[in-house]
N, C-alpha and C. Protein backbone atom coordinates (compact mmCIF):
# COMPACT_ATOMS: atom_id res chain seq x y z
N MET A 1 90.11 -2.77 2.84
CA MET A 1 89.26 -1.61 3.10
C MET A 1 88.00 -2.05 3.82
N SER A 2 87.33 -3.07 3.40
CA SER A 2 86.12 -3.57 4.04
C SER A 2 86.40 -4.09 5.41
N TYR A 3 87.56 -4.64 5.64
CA TYR A 3 87.92 -5.17 6.95
C TYR A 3 88.00 -4.07 7.97
N ILE A 4 88.50 -2.98 7.56
CA ILE A 4 88.63 -1.84 8.49
C ILE A 4 87.27 -1.31 8.87
N LEU A 5 86.36 -1.25 7.92
CA LEU A 5 85.00 -0.75 8.20
C LEU A 5 84.28 -1.67 9.16
N ASP A 6 84.44 -3.00 8.96
CA ASP A 6 83.76 -3.95 9.85
C ASP A 6 84.25 -3.83 11.26
N GLU A 7 85.51 -3.61 11.37
CA GLU A 7 86.08 -3.50 12.71
C GLU A 7 85.57 -2.27 13.43
N LYS A 8 85.37 -1.23 12.67
CA LYS A 8 84.84 -0.01 13.31
C LYS A 8 83.41 -0.20 13.77
N GLU A 9 82.68 -0.98 12.96
CA GLU A 9 81.28 -1.18 13.33
C GLU A 9 81.13 -2.12 14.51
N ASP A 10 82.00 -3.23 14.57
CA ASP A 10 81.83 -4.22 15.62
C ASP A 10 82.64 -3.92 16.86
N GLY A 11 83.66 -3.23 16.75
CA GLY A 11 84.58 -3.01 17.87
C GLY A 11 84.09 -1.94 18.81
N PRO A 12 84.90 -1.71 19.85
CA PRO A 12 84.55 -0.69 20.84
C PRO A 12 84.60 0.69 20.25
N VAL A 13 83.79 1.53 20.83
CA VAL A 13 83.76 2.91 20.36
C VAL A 13 85.06 3.57 20.71
N SER A 14 85.54 4.33 19.83
CA SER A 14 86.84 4.99 20.06
C SER A 14 86.69 6.02 21.14
N GLU A 15 87.79 6.29 21.76
CA GLU A 15 87.82 7.23 22.89
C GLU A 15 87.41 8.61 22.46
N THR A 16 87.78 8.89 21.23
CA THR A 16 87.46 10.24 20.74
C THR A 16 85.98 10.44 20.63
N VAL A 17 85.25 9.38 20.12
CA VAL A 17 83.79 9.47 19.98
C VAL A 17 83.11 9.46 21.33
N ALA A 18 83.57 8.66 22.29
CA ALA A 18 82.95 8.54 23.60
C ALA A 18 82.98 9.82 24.37
N HIS A 19 84.06 10.58 24.16
CA HIS A 19 84.22 11.81 24.94
C HIS A 19 83.73 13.04 24.22
N GLN A 20 82.99 12.85 23.12
CA GLN A 20 82.46 14.03 22.45
C GLN A 20 81.34 14.63 23.30
N PRO A 21 81.31 15.89 23.35
CA PRO A 21 80.24 16.55 24.15
C PRO A 21 78.87 16.31 23.54
N SER A 22 77.81 16.18 24.40
CA SER A 22 76.44 15.94 23.93
C SER A 22 75.88 17.18 23.28
N LYS A 23 75.15 16.93 22.20
CA LYS A 23 74.55 18.06 21.50
C LYS A 23 73.21 18.49 22.12
N THR A 24 72.70 17.71 23.14
CA THR A 24 71.42 18.08 23.79
C THR A 24 71.60 19.36 24.57
N PRO A 25 70.77 20.33 24.30
CA PRO A 25 70.96 21.62 24.98
C PRO A 25 70.65 21.51 26.46
N VAL A 26 71.45 22.09 27.27
CA VAL A 26 71.26 22.08 28.72
C VAL A 26 70.31 23.21 29.09
N ALA A 27 69.30 22.87 29.95
CA ALA A 27 68.32 23.89 30.34
C ALA A 27 68.99 25.01 31.11
N GLU A 28 68.73 26.17 30.61
CA GLU A 28 69.35 27.31 31.26
C GLU A 28 68.65 27.60 32.57
N GLU A 29 69.37 28.01 33.55
CA GLU A 29 68.79 28.34 34.84
C GLU A 29 67.91 29.57 34.72
N LYS A 30 66.66 29.46 35.32
CA LYS A 30 65.74 30.58 35.25
C LYS A 30 66.22 31.68 36.17
N PRO A 31 66.09 32.83 35.71
CA PRO A 31 66.50 33.94 36.58
C PRO A 31 65.54 34.06 37.76
N GLU A 32 66.05 34.50 38.85
CA GLU A 32 65.22 34.67 40.03
C GLU A 32 64.08 35.65 39.76
N GLN A 33 62.87 35.37 40.43
CA GLN A 33 61.71 36.21 40.22
C GLN A 33 62.02 37.63 40.65
N GLU A 34 61.60 38.50 39.77
CA GLU A 34 61.89 39.89 40.06
C GLU A 34 61.05 40.35 41.24
N GLU A 35 61.59 41.20 42.01
CA GLU A 35 60.87 41.75 43.14
C GLU A 35 59.76 42.67 42.66
N SER A 36 58.57 42.67 43.47
CA SER A 36 57.43 43.52 43.09
C SER A 36 57.83 44.97 43.16
N THR A 37 57.45 45.68 42.13
CA THR A 37 57.75 47.11 42.07
C THR A 37 56.65 47.88 42.77
N PRO A 38 56.88 49.11 43.16
CA PRO A 38 55.85 49.94 43.81
C PRO A 38 54.61 50.10 42.95
N ASP A 39 54.79 50.21 41.62
CA ASP A 39 53.62 50.35 40.73
C ASP A 39 52.74 49.12 40.79
N THR A 40 53.38 47.94 40.84
CA THR A 40 52.59 46.71 40.91
C THR A 40 51.81 46.63 42.22
N LEU A 41 52.45 47.00 43.32
CA LEU A 41 51.78 46.98 44.61
C LEU A 41 50.60 47.95 44.65
N ASN A 42 50.80 49.10 44.06
CA ASN A 42 49.71 50.09 44.02
C ASN A 42 48.55 49.59 43.18
N GLN A 43 48.88 48.92 42.09
CA GLN A 43 47.83 48.39 41.22
C GLN A 43 47.05 47.29 41.93
N VAL A 44 47.74 46.41 42.65
CA VAL A 44 47.07 45.36 43.41
C VAL A 44 46.19 45.96 44.50
N SER A 45 46.70 46.99 45.16
CA SER A 45 45.93 47.64 46.21
C SER A 45 44.67 48.27 45.65
N ARG A 46 44.80 48.91 44.48
CA ARG A 46 43.63 49.52 43.87
C ARG A 46 42.60 48.45 43.47
N LEU A 47 43.07 47.32 42.97
CA LEU A 47 42.16 46.24 42.59
C LEU A 47 41.44 45.67 43.82
N GLU A 48 42.18 45.54 44.92
CA GLU A 48 41.55 45.04 46.15
C GLU A 48 40.49 46.00 46.66
N GLU A 49 40.80 47.31 46.59
CA GLU A 49 39.83 48.31 47.01
C GLU A 49 38.57 48.26 46.12
N ALA A 50 38.80 48.14 44.82
CA ALA A 50 37.67 48.06 43.89
C ALA A 50 36.84 46.81 44.15
N LEU A 51 37.52 45.70 44.48
CA LEU A 51 36.81 44.46 44.78
C LEU A 51 35.99 44.59 46.05
N ASP A 52 36.57 45.21 47.07
CA ASP A 52 35.83 45.43 48.31
C ASP A 52 34.62 46.33 48.08
N HIS A 53 34.81 47.36 47.25
CA HIS A 53 33.71 48.27 46.95
C HIS A 53 32.57 47.54 46.24
N GLU A 54 32.92 46.72 45.26
CA GLU A 54 31.90 45.97 44.54
C GLU A 54 31.21 44.96 45.45
N ARG A 55 31.98 44.37 46.36
CA ARG A 55 31.39 43.43 47.30
C ARG A 55 30.37 44.13 48.21
N GLU A 56 30.73 45.33 48.68
CA GLU A 56 29.80 46.10 49.51
C GLU A 56 28.54 46.46 48.74
N LYS A 57 28.71 46.85 47.47
CA LYS A 57 27.55 47.17 46.65
C LYS A 57 26.66 45.94 46.47
N SER A 58 27.27 44.79 46.24
CA SER A 58 26.51 43.56 46.07
C SER A 58 25.74 43.21 47.33
N GLU A 59 26.40 43.33 48.48
CA GLU A 59 25.73 43.03 49.74
C GLU A 59 24.58 44.00 50.00
N ASP A 60 24.80 45.29 49.67
CA ASP A 60 23.74 46.28 49.84
C ASP A 60 22.55 45.98 48.94
N LEU A 61 22.82 45.63 47.69
CA LEU A 61 21.74 45.28 46.77
C LEU A 61 20.99 44.03 47.23
N LEU A 62 21.73 43.06 47.79
CA LEU A 62 21.10 41.86 48.29
C LEU A 62 20.17 42.17 49.46
N ARG A 63 20.63 43.05 50.37
CA ARG A 63 19.79 43.44 51.50
C ARG A 63 18.52 44.14 51.02
N ARG A 64 18.69 45.05 50.05
CA ARG A 64 17.52 45.75 49.51
C ARG A 64 16.54 44.78 48.87
N LEU A 65 17.08 43.82 48.16
CA LEU A 65 16.23 42.82 47.51
C LEU A 65 15.48 42.00 48.56
N GLN A 66 16.15 41.65 49.65
CA GLN A 66 15.50 40.89 50.71
C GLN A 66 14.39 41.71 51.36
N TYR A 67 14.65 43.03 51.59
CA TYR A 67 13.62 43.90 52.16
C TYR A 67 12.42 44.01 51.22
N LEU A 68 12.70 44.17 49.92
CA LEU A 68 11.62 44.27 48.95
C LEU A 68 10.80 42.98 48.91
N GLN A 69 11.50 41.85 48.99
CA GLN A 69 10.81 40.56 48.98
C GLN A 69 9.92 40.43 50.21
N ALA A 70 10.44 40.85 51.38
CA ALA A 70 9.64 40.77 52.60
C ALA A 70 8.44 41.72 52.53
N ASP A 71 8.65 42.94 52.00
CA ASP A 71 7.55 43.88 51.86
C ASP A 71 6.48 43.35 50.91
N PHE A 72 6.93 42.75 49.82
CA PHE A 72 5.97 42.21 48.86
C PHE A 72 5.18 41.06 49.47
N GLU A 73 5.85 40.22 50.25
CA GLU A 73 5.17 39.10 50.89
C GLU A 73 4.11 39.60 51.88
N ASN A 74 4.48 40.65 52.65
CA ASN A 74 3.51 41.23 53.58
C ASN A 74 2.34 41.86 52.83
N TYR A 75 2.66 42.53 51.73
CA TYR A 75 1.61 43.15 50.91
C TYR A 75 0.66 42.08 50.34
N ARG A 76 1.24 40.99 49.86
CA ARG A 76 0.42 39.91 49.29
C ARG A 76 -0.51 39.33 50.35
N LYS A 77 0.02 39.09 51.55
CA LYS A 77 -0.81 38.54 52.62
C LYS A 77 -1.92 39.51 53.02
N ARG A 78 -1.56 40.82 53.06
CA ARG A 78 -2.56 41.81 53.44
C ARG A 78 -3.69 41.88 52.40
N VAL A 79 -3.32 41.85 51.13
CA VAL A 79 -4.32 41.90 50.06
C VAL A 79 -5.21 40.66 50.10
N GLU A 80 -4.59 39.50 50.31
CA GLU A 80 -5.37 38.27 50.39
C GLU A 80 -6.35 38.32 51.57
N LYS A 81 -5.89 38.86 52.71
CA LYS A 81 -6.77 38.97 53.88
C LYS A 81 -7.92 39.93 53.60
N GLU A 82 -7.61 41.08 52.97
CA GLU A 82 -8.65 42.05 52.67
C GLU A 82 -9.67 41.46 51.69
N MET A 83 -9.17 40.75 50.68
CA MET A 83 -10.09 40.13 49.73
C MET A 83 -10.94 39.07 50.41
N GLY A 84 -10.33 38.31 51.33
CA GLY A 84 -11.07 37.30 52.07
C GLY A 84 -12.14 37.93 52.95
N ASP A 85 -11.79 39.08 53.59
CA ASP A 85 -12.76 39.77 54.44
C ASP A 85 -13.93 40.31 53.62
N VAL A 86 -13.61 40.88 52.46
CA VAL A 86 -14.67 41.42 51.59
C VAL A 86 -15.60 40.29 51.13
N LYS A 87 -14.99 39.18 50.74
CA LYS A 87 -15.79 38.03 50.31
C LYS A 87 -16.66 37.51 51.44
N ARG A 88 -16.07 37.42 52.64
CA ARG A 88 -16.82 36.90 53.79
C ARG A 88 -17.98 37.82 54.15
N LEU A 89 -17.71 39.14 54.18
CA LEU A 89 -18.76 40.09 54.53
C LEU A 89 -19.88 40.09 53.49
N SER A 90 -19.50 40.00 52.22
CA SER A 90 -20.51 39.96 51.17
C SER A 90 -21.36 38.69 51.29
N ASN A 91 -20.69 37.59 51.61
CA ASN A 91 -21.41 36.33 51.77
C ASN A 91 -22.35 36.39 52.97
N GLU A 92 -21.87 36.98 54.07
CA GLU A 92 -22.71 37.09 55.26
C GLU A 92 -23.92 37.98 54.99
N ARG A 93 -23.71 39.08 54.25
CA ARG A 93 -24.81 39.98 53.95
C ARG A 93 -25.87 39.27 53.09
N LEU A 94 -25.39 38.51 52.12
CA LEU A 94 -26.32 37.79 51.25
C LEU A 94 -27.10 36.73 52.03
N LEU A 95 -26.41 36.01 52.91
CA LEU A 95 -27.07 34.98 53.69
C LEU A 95 -28.05 35.59 54.70
N SER A 96 -27.71 36.76 55.24
CA SER A 96 -28.63 37.43 56.16
C SER A 96 -29.92 37.82 55.44
N ASP A 97 -29.78 38.33 54.21
CA ASP A 97 -30.97 38.66 53.42
C ASP A 97 -31.78 37.40 53.12
N LEU A 98 -31.08 36.31 52.86
CA LEU A 98 -31.78 35.06 52.58
C LEU A 98 -32.52 34.55 53.82
N LEU A 99 -31.97 34.80 55.00
CA LEU A 99 -32.66 34.42 56.24
C LEU A 99 -33.96 35.21 56.41
N THR A 100 -33.91 36.47 56.01
CA THR A 100 -35.12 37.29 56.07
C THR A 100 -36.21 36.72 55.15
N VAL A 101 -35.80 36.29 53.96
CA VAL A 101 -36.73 35.66 53.03
C VAL A 101 -37.28 34.38 53.65
N LYS A 102 -36.42 33.61 54.31
CA LYS A 102 -36.86 32.36 54.95
C LYS A 102 -37.89 32.65 56.05
N ASP A 103 -37.65 33.70 56.84
CA ASP A 103 -38.61 34.06 57.89
C ASP A 103 -39.98 34.37 57.28
N GLU A 104 -39.97 35.11 56.20
CA GLU A 104 -41.24 35.47 55.56
C GLU A 104 -41.93 34.24 54.98
N LEU A 105 -41.15 33.32 54.41
CA LEU A 105 -41.73 32.08 53.89
C LEU A 105 -42.32 31.23 55.01
N ASP A 106 -41.59 31.15 56.12
CA ASP A 106 -42.10 30.37 57.26
C ASP A 106 -43.41 30.96 57.78
N LEU A 107 -43.44 32.29 57.87
CA LEU A 107 -44.67 32.95 58.34
C LEU A 107 -45.83 32.72 57.37
N ALA A 108 -45.54 32.85 56.08
CA ALA A 108 -46.59 32.65 55.07
C ALA A 108 -47.09 31.21 55.09
N PHE A 109 -46.18 30.27 55.27
CA PHE A 109 -46.57 28.86 55.29
C PHE A 109 -47.44 28.56 56.51
N ALA A 110 -47.06 29.13 57.66
CA ALA A 110 -47.84 28.91 58.88
C ALA A 110 -49.25 29.50 58.74
N LYS A 111 -49.34 30.71 58.19
CA LYS A 111 -50.65 31.34 58.01
C LYS A 111 -51.50 30.55 57.01
N ALA A 112 -50.85 30.06 55.95
CA ALA A 112 -51.58 29.29 54.93
C ALA A 112 -52.12 28.00 55.52
N ARG A 113 -51.40 27.38 56.41
CA ARG A 113 -51.88 26.15 57.04
C ARG A 113 -53.03 26.45 57.99
N GLU A 114 -52.94 27.58 58.72
CA GLU A 114 -54.01 27.92 59.65
C GLU A 114 -55.33 28.18 58.91
N THR A 115 -55.20 28.84 57.77
CA THR A 115 -56.42 29.18 57.02
C THR A 115 -56.81 28.09 56.02
N LYS A 116 -56.09 26.98 56.08
CA LYS A 116 -56.39 25.83 55.21
C LYS A 116 -56.48 26.23 53.74
N GLN A 117 -55.36 26.78 53.27
CA GLN A 117 -55.27 27.19 51.88
C GLN A 117 -55.17 25.97 50.98
N ASN A 118 -55.15 26.25 49.68
CA ASN A 118 -55.06 25.22 48.65
C ASN A 118 -53.87 24.31 48.93
N PRO A 119 -54.06 22.99 48.99
CA PRO A 119 -52.94 22.07 49.26
C PRO A 119 -51.81 22.20 48.25
N VAL A 120 -52.15 22.50 47.02
CA VAL A 120 -51.09 22.67 46.00
C VAL A 120 -50.22 23.88 46.35
N LEU A 121 -50.85 24.96 46.78
CA LEU A 121 -50.11 26.15 47.20
C LEU A 121 -49.21 25.84 48.40
N LEU A 122 -49.76 25.11 49.37
CA LEU A 122 -48.97 24.74 50.54
C LEU A 122 -47.76 23.88 50.15
N GLU A 123 -47.99 22.98 49.22
CA GLU A 123 -46.89 22.11 48.78
C GLU A 123 -45.79 22.92 48.09
N GLY A 124 -46.22 23.89 47.28
CA GLY A 124 -45.24 24.73 46.58
C GLY A 124 -44.41 25.56 47.54
N VAL A 125 -45.08 26.17 48.52
CA VAL A 125 -44.35 26.97 49.52
C VAL A 125 -43.42 26.09 50.34
N GLY A 126 -43.88 24.87 50.67
CA GLY A 126 -43.04 23.95 51.42
C GLY A 126 -41.79 23.55 50.66
N MET A 127 -41.93 23.36 49.35
CA MET A 127 -40.76 23.02 48.52
C MET A 127 -39.75 24.16 48.49
N ILE A 128 -40.27 25.40 48.43
CA ILE A 128 -39.37 26.57 48.44
C ILE A 128 -38.65 26.65 49.78
N GLN A 129 -39.37 26.39 50.85
CA GLN A 129 -38.74 26.38 52.18
C GLN A 129 -37.58 25.39 52.25
N LYS A 130 -37.81 24.20 51.77
CA LYS A 130 -36.77 23.17 51.81
C LYS A 130 -35.57 23.58 50.95
N ARG A 131 -35.85 24.21 49.81
CA ARG A 131 -34.77 24.64 48.93
C ARG A 131 -33.90 25.71 49.59
N VAL A 132 -34.56 26.67 50.22
CA VAL A 132 -33.83 27.73 50.92
C VAL A 132 -33.00 27.15 52.06
N GLN A 133 -33.60 26.24 52.83
CA GLN A 133 -32.88 25.61 53.94
C GLN A 133 -31.69 24.81 53.44
N SER A 134 -31.83 24.15 52.29
CA SER A 134 -30.73 23.39 51.72
C SER A 134 -29.56 24.29 51.33
N ILE A 135 -29.88 25.46 50.77
CA ILE A 135 -28.83 26.41 50.39
C ILE A 135 -28.10 26.90 51.64
N LEU A 136 -28.85 27.23 52.67
CA LEU A 136 -28.25 27.73 53.91
C LEU A 136 -27.35 26.67 54.55
N SER A 137 -27.83 25.45 54.59
CA SER A 137 -27.04 24.36 55.18
C SER A 137 -25.77 24.12 54.39
N LYS A 138 -25.88 24.20 53.08
CA LYS A 138 -24.71 23.99 52.22
C LYS A 138 -23.64 25.03 52.47
N GLU A 139 -24.05 26.26 52.81
CA GLU A 139 -23.10 27.34 53.08
C GLU A 139 -22.58 27.33 54.51
N GLY A 140 -23.06 26.38 55.33
CA GLY A 140 -22.57 26.28 56.70
C GLY A 140 -23.40 27.03 57.72
N VAL A 141 -24.62 27.41 57.35
CA VAL A 141 -25.50 28.13 58.27
C VAL A 141 -26.23 27.12 59.15
N GLU A 142 -26.16 27.32 60.48
CA GLU A 142 -26.82 26.43 61.43
C GLU A 142 -27.66 27.25 62.40
N ARG A 143 -28.76 26.65 62.81
CA ARG A 143 -29.69 27.35 63.71
C ARG A 143 -29.17 27.30 65.14
N ILE A 144 -29.30 28.42 65.85
CA ILE A 144 -28.91 28.48 67.26
C ILE A 144 -29.99 27.82 68.10
N LEU A 145 -29.57 27.11 69.14
CA LEU A 145 -30.53 26.44 70.02
C LEU A 145 -31.49 27.47 70.62
N GLY A 146 -32.76 27.11 70.64
CA GLY A 146 -33.79 28.05 71.11
C GLY A 146 -34.40 27.63 72.44
N ALA A 147 -35.71 27.40 72.43
CA ALA A 147 -36.45 27.10 73.65
C ALA A 147 -35.87 25.87 74.35
N GLY A 148 -35.69 26.02 75.68
CA GLY A 148 -35.15 24.93 76.48
C GLY A 148 -33.66 25.02 76.73
N SER A 149 -32.95 25.83 75.95
CA SER A 149 -31.50 25.98 76.13
C SER A 149 -31.21 27.08 77.15
N ARG A 150 -29.95 27.18 77.56
CA ARG A 150 -29.54 28.22 78.50
C ARG A 150 -29.27 29.52 77.74
N PHE A 151 -29.68 30.61 78.35
CA PHE A 151 -29.45 31.91 77.72
C PHE A 151 -27.95 32.19 77.64
N ASN A 152 -27.49 32.56 76.45
CA ASN A 152 -26.09 32.87 76.23
C ASN A 152 -26.02 34.21 75.50
N PRO A 153 -25.47 35.24 76.14
CA PRO A 153 -25.45 36.57 75.51
C PRO A 153 -24.66 36.61 74.21
N ASP A 154 -23.81 35.60 73.99
CA ASP A 154 -23.07 35.56 72.72
C ASP A 154 -23.96 35.14 71.56
N TYR A 155 -25.05 34.44 71.88
CA TYR A 155 -25.93 33.92 70.83
C TYR A 155 -27.37 34.43 70.93
N HIS A 156 -27.76 34.94 72.10
CA HIS A 156 -29.16 35.35 72.31
C HIS A 156 -29.24 36.83 72.68
N GLU A 157 -30.37 37.41 72.31
CA GLU A 157 -30.75 38.75 72.78
C GLU A 157 -32.08 38.62 73.53
N ALA A 158 -32.09 39.05 74.78
CA ALA A 158 -33.29 38.89 75.61
C ALA A 158 -34.27 40.02 75.29
N ALA A 159 -35.41 39.66 74.71
CA ALA A 159 -36.44 40.65 74.42
C ALA A 159 -37.32 40.88 75.64
N LEU A 160 -37.46 39.83 76.47
CA LEU A 160 -38.36 39.92 77.62
C LEU A 160 -37.94 38.88 78.66
N ARG A 161 -38.01 39.30 79.95
CA ARG A 161 -37.77 38.36 81.05
C ARG A 161 -39.11 38.00 81.65
N VAL A 162 -39.43 36.71 81.66
CA VAL A 162 -40.74 36.23 82.07
C VAL A 162 -40.61 35.40 83.34
N VAL A 163 -41.54 35.63 84.31
CA VAL A 163 -41.58 34.81 85.53
C VAL A 163 -42.06 33.42 85.15
N SER A 164 -41.29 32.42 85.55
CA SER A 164 -41.61 31.06 85.12
C SER A 164 -41.14 30.06 86.16
N ASP A 165 -41.73 28.87 86.11
CA ASP A 165 -41.28 27.78 86.97
C ASP A 165 -39.94 27.22 86.49
N GLU A 166 -39.56 27.55 85.27
CA GLU A 166 -38.28 27.09 84.74
C GLU A 166 -37.12 27.77 85.47
N GLU A 167 -35.96 27.14 85.41
CA GLU A 167 -34.77 27.70 86.05
C GLU A 167 -34.44 29.05 85.42
N GLU A 168 -34.01 29.95 86.27
CA GLU A 168 -33.67 31.29 85.78
C GLU A 168 -32.60 31.19 84.68
N GLY A 169 -32.83 31.95 83.62
CA GLY A 169 -31.88 31.95 82.52
C GLY A 169 -32.20 30.96 81.43
N THR A 170 -33.32 30.25 81.57
CA THR A 170 -33.74 29.30 80.54
C THR A 170 -34.50 30.04 79.44
N VAL A 171 -34.19 29.70 78.21
CA VAL A 171 -34.90 30.30 77.07
C VAL A 171 -36.27 29.66 76.99
N LEU A 172 -37.31 30.50 77.09
CA LEU A 172 -38.68 29.99 77.06
C LEU A 172 -39.27 29.97 75.66
N GLU A 173 -38.94 30.98 74.89
CA GLU A 173 -39.55 31.10 73.57
C GLU A 173 -38.65 31.92 72.65
N GLU A 174 -38.69 31.57 71.36
CA GLU A 174 -37.95 32.34 70.36
C GLU A 174 -38.89 33.35 69.71
N VAL A 175 -38.52 34.61 69.78
CA VAL A 175 -39.25 35.63 69.04
C VAL A 175 -38.78 35.64 67.59
N ARG A 176 -37.48 35.45 67.44
CA ARG A 176 -36.90 35.31 66.10
C ARG A 176 -35.72 34.35 66.19
N ALA A 177 -35.70 33.39 65.27
CA ALA A 177 -34.63 32.38 65.29
C ALA A 177 -33.29 33.02 64.93
N GLY A 178 -32.23 32.49 65.54
CA GLY A 178 -30.88 32.96 65.25
C GLY A 178 -30.06 31.88 64.56
N TYR A 179 -28.98 32.31 63.88
CA TYR A 179 -28.17 31.36 63.11
C TYR A 179 -26.69 31.72 63.23
N THR A 180 -25.86 30.69 63.06
CA THR A 180 -24.42 30.87 63.01
C THR A 180 -23.92 30.48 61.62
N LEU A 181 -22.80 31.06 61.24
CA LEU A 181 -22.16 30.73 59.96
C LEU A 181 -20.75 30.24 60.25
N LYS A 182 -20.56 28.93 60.15
CA LYS A 182 -19.25 28.32 60.39
C LYS A 182 -18.69 28.73 61.75
N GLY A 183 -19.56 28.68 62.75
CA GLY A 183 -19.12 28.98 64.12
C GLY A 183 -19.26 30.43 64.53
N ARG A 184 -19.45 31.34 63.58
CA ARG A 184 -19.61 32.76 63.88
C ARG A 184 -21.10 33.10 63.88
N VAL A 185 -21.48 34.02 64.78
CA VAL A 185 -22.89 34.41 64.86
C VAL A 185 -23.24 35.23 63.63
N LEU A 186 -24.16 34.69 62.84
CA LEU A 186 -24.64 35.42 61.67
C LEU A 186 -25.81 36.32 62.05
N ARG A 187 -26.66 35.81 62.92
CA ARG A 187 -27.80 36.58 63.43
C ARG A 187 -28.19 36.02 64.78
N PRO A 188 -28.15 36.82 65.85
CA PRO A 188 -28.49 36.29 67.18
C PRO A 188 -29.99 36.01 67.30
N SER A 189 -30.31 35.10 68.19
CA SER A 189 -31.72 34.80 68.46
C SER A 189 -32.30 35.87 69.38
N ILE A 190 -33.55 36.24 69.13
CA ILE A 190 -34.29 37.13 70.03
C ILE A 190 -35.24 36.24 70.82
N VAL A 191 -35.09 36.23 72.14
CA VAL A 191 -35.79 35.24 72.95
C VAL A 191 -36.44 35.85 74.18
N LYS A 192 -37.33 35.04 74.77
CA LYS A 192 -37.90 35.34 76.09
C LYS A 192 -37.21 34.44 77.09
N VAL A 193 -36.81 35.02 78.22
CA VAL A 193 -35.99 34.29 79.19
C VAL A 193 -36.73 34.18 80.52
N ALA A 194 -36.55 33.04 81.19
CA ALA A 194 -37.18 32.82 82.50
C ALA A 194 -36.49 33.64 83.57
N GLY A 195 -37.30 34.25 84.45
CA GLY A 195 -36.77 35.00 85.57
C GLY A 195 -37.20 34.39 86.90
N LYS A 196 -36.76 34.99 88.01
CA LYS A 196 -37.08 34.46 89.34
C LYS A 196 -38.47 34.93 89.78
N LYS A 197 -39.17 34.01 90.45
CA LYS A 197 -40.47 34.38 91.00
C LYS A 197 -40.32 35.39 92.12
N SER A 198 -39.34 35.16 92.97
CA SER A 198 -39.14 36.03 94.13
C SER A 198 -38.90 37.46 93.70
N MET A 199 -38.17 37.62 92.60
CA MET A 199 -37.88 38.95 92.09
C MET A 199 -39.19 39.64 91.70
N GLU A 200 -40.08 38.87 91.04
CA GLU A 200 -41.36 39.43 90.62
C GLU A 200 -42.22 39.80 91.85
N LYS A 201 -42.23 38.92 92.87
CA LYS A 201 -43.00 39.19 94.08
C LYS A 201 -42.49 40.42 94.80
N ASN A 202 -41.16 40.55 94.88
CA ASN A 202 -40.59 41.73 95.54
C ASN A 202 -40.98 43.00 94.80
N GLU A 203 -40.94 42.92 93.46
CA GLU A 203 -41.31 44.09 92.68
C GLU A 203 -42.77 44.44 92.89
N GLN A 204 -43.63 43.42 92.99
CA GLN A 204 -45.05 43.67 93.22
C GLN A 204 -45.27 44.27 94.60
N ALA A 205 -44.54 43.74 95.61
CA ALA A 205 -44.67 44.25 96.98
C ALA A 205 -44.23 45.71 97.04
N GLU A 206 -43.12 46.02 96.38
CA GLU A 206 -42.65 47.41 96.38
C GLU A 206 -43.63 48.31 95.67
N THR A 207 -44.27 47.80 94.62
CA THR A 207 -45.26 48.60 93.89
C THR A 207 -46.47 48.86 94.77
N SER A 208 -46.90 47.83 95.54
CA SER A 208 -48.06 47.98 96.43
C SER A 208 -47.77 48.98 97.53
N GLU A 209 -46.58 48.93 98.12
CA GLU A 209 -46.22 49.87 99.17
C GLU A 209 -46.19 51.30 98.64
N ALA A 210 -45.68 51.43 97.44
CA ALA A 210 -45.62 52.77 96.86
C ALA A 210 -47.02 53.31 96.59
N ASP A 211 -47.94 52.43 96.20
CA ASP A 211 -49.31 52.86 95.93
C ASP A 211 -50.02 53.25 97.21
N SER A 212 -49.77 52.48 98.32
CA SER A 212 -50.42 52.77 99.59
C SER A 212 -49.96 54.10 100.17
N GLU A 213 -48.73 54.44 99.92
CA GLU A 213 -48.22 55.71 100.41
C GLU A 213 -48.84 56.86 99.65
């Protein structure tokens, strides 16, 4: 009995066992994909239309947002410019008033020196003058060139034309000093300007002829 079992274990597999069918299941062939039905096509079409509609809405909202952003940027710049203009005008007005105070101090100081007032008083007024000038310089206020410079209508106002040996158009004297603020005219100078001698002589000759007639 044992001999027979050993032979089965060591010997060749019997033909009957070798030809037994495999128990591993064979993969069944997948059925061909079903053709799209009309309902499916309609549903896909509706989804595409809805997607296009949402895309158009998104693009429209994006455009509106861009317009709003541009409008806000323009508004911000306009407000900043207006605030800058208000600040500049207020500063110019304040500095103009301060120039008037400086003119009065200069006049008072000159009169006090002429009348030989108390030296302590003169020193005090002089210190105030320097303080006012320091404030003006710190803010960018500069004096316009006066006597000896060429007349410039952008910076000077001619109060009087005087016959002089100086070249025509030369500023002879300042009636009131002028100043600029960072390159802009804060207050023009009022000056006396040199004129031509010949012009004065002609005017005198014409006046004499008119009197003789």
